[in-house]
Protein backbone atom coordinates (compact mmCIF):
# COMPACT_ATOMS: atom_id res chain seq x y z
CA UNK A 1 -6.52 -5.46 -8.83
CA UNK A 2 -6.09 -3.82 -5.48
CA UNK A 3 -3.54 -1.36 -4.15
CA UNK A 4 -2.60 -2.24 -0.58
CA UNK A 5 -0.82 0.40 1.47
CA UNK A 6 0.87 -0.39 4.74
CA UNK A 7 1.83 2.45 7.06
CA UNK A 8 2.49 3.31 10.73
CA UNK A 9 1.39 6.48 12.48
CA UNK A 10 4.96 7.32 13.57
CA UNK A 11 6.47 6.71 10.13
CA UNK A 12 8.00 9.93 8.82
CA UNK A 13 7.92 8.65 5.16
CA UNK A 14 4.23 7.59 5.35
CA UNK A 15 2.31 10.87 4.71
CA UNK A 16 2.96 10.85 0.92
CA UNK A 17 1.67 7.23 0.85
CA UNK A 18 -1.53 8.28 2.60
CA UNK A 19 -1.99 11.26 0.16
CA UNK A 20 -1.51 8.89 -2.77
CA UNK A 21 -4.18 6.51 -1.35
CA UNK A 22 -6.69 9.36 -1.19
CA UNK A 23 -5.86 10.44 -4.84
CA UNK A 24 -6.30 6.86 -6.16
CA UNK A 25 -9.56 6.33 -4.22
CA UNK A 26 -10.99 9.50 -5.77
CA UNK A 27 -10.21 8.06 -9.19
CA UNK A 28 -12.18 4.91 -8.38
CA UNK A 29 -9.16 2.71 -7.76
CA UNK A 30 -9.58 0.03 -5.13
CA UNK A 31 -7.32 0.89 -2.28
CA UNK A 32 -7.00 -0.87 1.05
CA UNK A 33 -5.01 0.81 3.97
CA UNK A 34 -3.34 -1.15 6.74
CA UNK A 35 -1.86 0.22 9.89
CA UNK A 36 0.98 -2.08 11.03
CA UNK A 37 0.39 -1.03 14.65
CA UNK A 38 -3.01 -2.72 14.59
CA UNK A 39 -3.73 -6.42 14.59
CA UNK A 40 -5.41 -6.53 11.22
CA UNK A 41 -2.60 -4.62 9.59
CA UNK A 42 0.13 -6.71 11.22
CA UNK A 43 -1.67 -9.86 10.13
CA UNK A 44 -1.99 -8.64 6.55
CA UNK A 45 1.60 -7.41 6.54
CA UNK A 46 2.89 -10.79 7.74
CA UNK A 47 1.31 -12.49 4.61
CA UNK A 48 3.36 -10.28 2.36
CA UNK A 49 6.53 -10.10 4.44
CA UNK A 50 6.23 -6.41 5.14
CA UNK A 51 9.28 -5.32 7.14
CA UNK A 52 9.10 -1.48 6.82
CA UNK A 53 6.89 1.37 5.96
CA UNK A 54 5.62 2.70 3.77
CA UNK A 55 5.04 -0.38 1.69
CA UNK A 56 2.69 -0.30 -1.34
CA UNK A 57 1.60 -3.48 -3.12
CA UNK A 58 -0.46 -4.11 -6.12
CA UNK A 59 -2.18 -7.50 -5.93
CA UNK A 60 -4.44 -9.39 -8.34
CA UNK A 61 -7.88 -10.83 -7.60
CA UNK A 62 -6.20 -13.92 -5.94
CA UNK A 63 -4.09 -11.70 -3.65
CA UNK A 64 -0.95 -12.57 -5.65
CA UNK A 65 1.61 -9.73 -5.53
CA UNK A 66 2.11 -8.07 -8.87
CA UNK A 67 4.57 -5.34 -7.83
CA UNK A 68 5.66 -3.65 -4.67
CA UNK A 69 7.39 -0.53 -3.43
CA UNK A 70 8.99 -0.97 -0.05
CA UNK A 71 10.26 2.03 1.90
CA UNK A 72 9.20 4.47 -0.70
CA UNK A 73 6.11 5.92 -2.26
CA UNK A 74 5.62 5.56 -6.06
CA UNK A 75 4.01 8.24 -8.20
CA UNK A 76 0.49 7.93 -9.51
CA UNK A 77 1.91 7.20 -12.94
CA UNK A 78 3.99 4.37 -11.61
CA UNK A 79 0.91 2.78 -9.96
CA UNK A 80 -1.23 3.15 -13.05
CA UNK A 81 1.30 1.34 -15.21
CA UNK A 82 0.23 -1.90 -13.36
CA UNK A 83 -3.44 -1.42 -13.09
């Protein structure tokens, strides 16, 4: 399982998502960050139909989406329910 977090530098709701990413990484959870203003982030975001930020996905080992939070940042507890 991987937590994928999509943000933009100008997004006012994104700082909590970035903080969550750092907390999860410190706990050994695999997290991938994507900036939608960069080619790699936009390409990855297109695969999942990302239309806004922050968007947080949990995907399985085959990149199949398990759960998503779009336009909001979940709590650590909410994330851990799916890992």
